[in-house]
């Protein structure tokens, strides 16, 4: 995947994306400046004549349930399973996983 023409362009692109902007919304300006510099330095490794290219792979997975239950019934089924085994359930206030850190 091509992220930009050079490391600086790729850094601007990555930092402008929604998830990144969201995770850095409360970061101090000095932290963002440091992060921008470190990211630009790291992305120079991936610079090519065609731009900043980072190799990756994506799995597209589809599934088809064998149960006769409709999708409308699934929230009830999941709730019943969670109530039956509370030690294996996440609390309702469990935060979503985050892969970025501003500090």
C-alpha atoms as a PDB file:
ATOM      1  CA  UNK A   1       0.000   0.000   0.000  1.00  0.00           C
ATOM      2  CA  UNK A   2       1.316   3.454  -0.859  1.00  0.00           C
ATOM      3  CA  UNK A   3       1.009   6.012   1.951  1.00  0.00           C
ATOM      4  CA  UNK A   4       2.540   9.065   0.284  1.00  0.00           C
ATOM      5  CA  UNK A   5       5.188  10.445  -2.035  1.00  0.00           C
ATOM      6  CA  UNK A   6       7.827  10.574   0.713  1.00  0.00           C
ATOM      7  CA  UNK A   7       8.146  10.024   4.476  1.00  0.00           C
ATOM      8  CA  UNK A   8       6.819  13.502   5.309  1.00  0.00           C
ATOM      9  CA  UNK A   9       3.800  13.076   3.040  1.00  0.00           C
ATOM     10  CA  UNK A  10       3.107   9.613   4.473  1.00  0.00           C
ATOM     11  CA  UNK A  11       3.352  10.980   8.023  1.00  0.00           C
ATOM     12  CA  UNK A  12       0.811  13.696   7.217  1.00  0.00           C
ATOM     13  CA  UNK A  13      -1.496  11.102   5.652  1.00  0.00           C
ATOM     14  CA  UNK A  14      -1.342   8.712   8.615  1.00  0.00           C
ATOM     15  CA  UNK A  15      -1.803  11.471  11.194  1.00  0.00           C
ATOM     16  CA  UNK A  16      -4.795  12.856   9.285  1.00  0.00           C
ATOM     17  CA  UNK A  17      -6.747   9.570   9.425  1.00  0.00           C
ATOM     18  CA  UNK A  18      -9.730   9.424  11.762  1.00  0.00           C
ATOM     19  CA  UNK A  19      -8.541   6.758  14.230  1.00  0.00           C
ATOM     20  CA  UNK A  20      -5.141   8.402  14.616  1.00  0.00           C
ATOM     21  CA  UNK A  21      -6.635  11.882  15.003  1.00  0.00           C
ATOM     22  CA  UNK A  22      -9.104  10.504  17.548  1.00  0.00           C
ATOM     23  CA  UNK A  23      -6.398   8.822  19.650  1.00  0.00           C
ATOM     24  CA  UNK A  24      -4.223  11.936  19.622  1.00  0.00           C
ATOM     25  CA  UNK A  25      -6.992  14.480  20.218  1.00  0.00           C
ATOM     26  CA  UNK A  26      -5.920  15.205  23.814  1.00  0.00           C
ATOM     27  CA  UNK A  27      -2.163  14.872  23.297  1.00  0.00           C
ATOM     28  CA  UNK A  28       0.059  17.833  24.062  1.00  0.00           C
ATOM     29  CA  UNK A  29       1.420  19.710  21.022  1.00  0.00           C
ATOM     30  CA  UNK A  30       4.976  18.786  22.055  1.00  0.00           C
ATOM     31  CA  UNK A  31       4.015  15.099  22.071  1.00  0.00           C
ATOM     32  CA  UNK A  32       2.496  15.332  18.597  1.00  0.00           C
ATOM     33  CA  UNK A  33       5.585  17.147  17.300  1.00  0.00           C
ATOM     34  CA  UNK A  34       7.840  14.415  18.724  1.00  0.00           C
ATOM     35  CA  UNK A  35       5.576  11.686  17.340  1.00  0.00           C
ATOM     36  CA  UNK A  36       5.522  13.321  13.895  1.00  0.00           C
ATOM     37  CA  UNK A  37       9.328  13.460  13.841  1.00  0.00           C
ATOM     38  CA  UNK A  38       9.755   9.860  14.998  1.00  0.00           C
ATOM     39  CA  UNK A  39       7.147   8.616  12.540  1.00  0.00           C
ATOM     40  CA  UNK A  40       8.777  10.471   9.633  1.00  0.00           C
ATOM     41  CA  UNK A  41      12.163   8.962  10.575  1.00  0.00           C
ATOM     42  CA  UNK A  42      10.664   5.456  10.785  1.00  0.00           C
ATOM     43  CA  UNK A  43       8.863   5.773   7.449  1.00  0.00           C
ATOM     44  CA  UNK A  44      12.051   6.669   5.552  1.00  0.00           C
ATOM     45  CA  UNK A  45      12.867   2.942   5.624  1.00  0.00           C
ATOM     46  CA  UNK A  46       9.872   2.342   3.353  1.00  0.00           C
ATOM     47  CA  UNK A  47      10.562   5.081   0.795  1.00  0.00           C
ATOM     48  CA  UNK A  48      10.833   3.843  -2.791  1.00  0.00           C
ATOM     49  CA  UNK A  49      10.849   5.510  -6.192  1.00  0.00           C
ATOM     50  CA  UNK A  50       7.062   4.943  -6.215  1.00  0.00           C
ATOM     51  CA  UNK A  51       6.476   6.529  -2.794  1.00  0.00           C
ATOM     52  CA  UNK A  52       6.259   5.196   0.740  1.00  0.00           C
ATOM     53  CA  UNK A  53       5.174   1.585   0.328  1.00  0.00           C
ATOM     54  CA  UNK A  54       4.380  -0.668   3.257  1.00  0.00           C
ATOM     55  CA  UNK A  55       3.649  -4.277   2.463  1.00  0.00           C
ATOM     56  CA  UNK A  56       0.748  -5.928   4.191  1.00  0.00           C
ATOM     57  CA  UNK A  57      -2.008  -8.462   3.831  1.00  0.00           C
ATOM     58  CA  UNK A  58      -5.716  -8.542   4.497  1.00  0.00           C
ATOM     59  CA  UNK A  59      -7.932 -11.516   5.153  1.00  0.00           C
ATOM     60  CA  UNK A  60     -11.513 -11.210   4.017  1.00  0.00           C
ATOM     61  CA  UNK A  61     -13.566 -13.711   5.946  1.00  0.00           C
ATOM     62  CA  UNK A  62     -17.229 -14.464   5.585  1.00  0.00           C
ATOM     63  CA  UNK A  63     -19.259 -16.888   7.613  1.00  0.00           C
ATOM     64  CA  UNK A  64     -22.654 -18.435   7.405  1.00  0.00           C
ATOM     65  CA  UNK A  65     -24.374 -19.591  10.551  1.00  0.00           C
ATOM     66  CA  UNK A  66     -25.854 -23.046  10.723  1.00  0.00           C
ATOM     67  CA  UNK A  67     -28.324 -22.104  13.422  1.00  0.00           C
ATOM     68  CA  UNK A  68     -31.939 -21.464  12.563  1.00  0.00           C
ATOM     69  CA  UNK A  69     -32.016 -18.483  14.886  1.00  0.00           C
ATOM     70  CA  UNK A  70     -32.504 -15.151  13.204  1.00  0.00           C
ATOM     71  CA  UNK A  71     -30.046 -12.286  13.617  1.00  0.00           C
ATOM     72  CA  UNK A  72     -32.682 -10.505  15.684  1.00  0.00           C
ATOM     73  CA  UNK A  73     -32.436 -13.263  18.294  1.00  0.00           C
ATOM     74  CA  UNK A  74     -28.632 -13.126  18.613  1.00  0.00           C
ATOM     75  CA  UNK A  75     -28.440 -10.258  21.136  1.00  0.00           C
ATOM     76  CA  UNK A  76     -30.739 -12.249  23.432  1.00  0.00           C
ATOM     77  CA  UNK A  77     -28.670 -15.409  22.962  1.00  0.00           C
ATOM     78  CA  UNK A  78     -25.431 -13.570  23.710  1.00  0.00           C
ATOM     79  CA  UNK A  79     -26.976 -11.925  26.775  1.00  0.00           C
ATOM     80  CA  UNK A  80     -28.175 -15.307  28.062  1.00  0.00           C
ATOM     81  CA  UNK A  81     -24.718 -16.812  27.559  1.00  0.00           C
ATOM     82  CA  UNK A  82     -23.075 -13.881  29.358  1.00  0.00           C
ATOM     83  CA  UNK A  83     -25.493 -14.177  32.275  1.00  0.00           C
ATOM     84  CA  UNK A  84     -24.859 -17.915  32.507  1.00  0.00           C
ATOM     85  CA  UNK A  85     -21.061 -17.414  32.671  1.00  0.00           C
ATOM     86  CA  UNK A  86     -20.423 -13.930  34.113  1.00  0.00           C
ATOM     87  CA  UNK A  87     -16.760 -14.747  34.824  1.00  0.00           C
ATOM     88  CA  UNK A  88     -16.149 -14.896  31.048  1.00  0.00           C
ATOM     89  CA  UNK A  89     -18.042 -11.712  30.167  1.00  0.00           C
ATOM     90  CA  UNK A  90     -16.562  -8.267  29.754  1.00  0.00           C
ATOM     91  CA  UNK A  91     -18.065  -5.518  31.880  1.00  0.00           C
ATOM     92  CA  UNK A  92     -20.316  -3.144  29.976  1.00  0.00           C
ATOM     93  CA  UNK A  93     -17.853  -0.321  30.558  1.00  0.00           C
ATOM     94  CA  UNK A  94     -14.915  -2.215  29.037  1.00  0.00           C
ATOM     95  CA  UNK A  95     -13.059   0.191  26.696  1.00  0.00           C
ATOM     96  CA  UNK A  96     -12.426  -0.683  23.090  1.00  0.00           C
ATOM     97  CA  UNK A  97      -8.878  -1.889  22.400  1.00  0.00           C
ATOM     98  CA  UNK A  98      -6.506   0.818  21.240  1.00  0.00           C
ATOM     99  CA  UNK A  99      -3.289   0.267  19.354  1.00  0.00           C
ATOM    100  CA  UNK A 100      -1.895   3.797  19.520  1.00  0.00           C
ATOM    101  CA  UNK A 101      -0.495   5.731  22.423  1.00  0.00           C
ATOM    102  CA  UNK A 102       0.308   9.433  22.540  1.00  0.00           C
ATOM    103  CA  UNK A 103       2.849   9.127  25.357  1.00  0.00           C
END
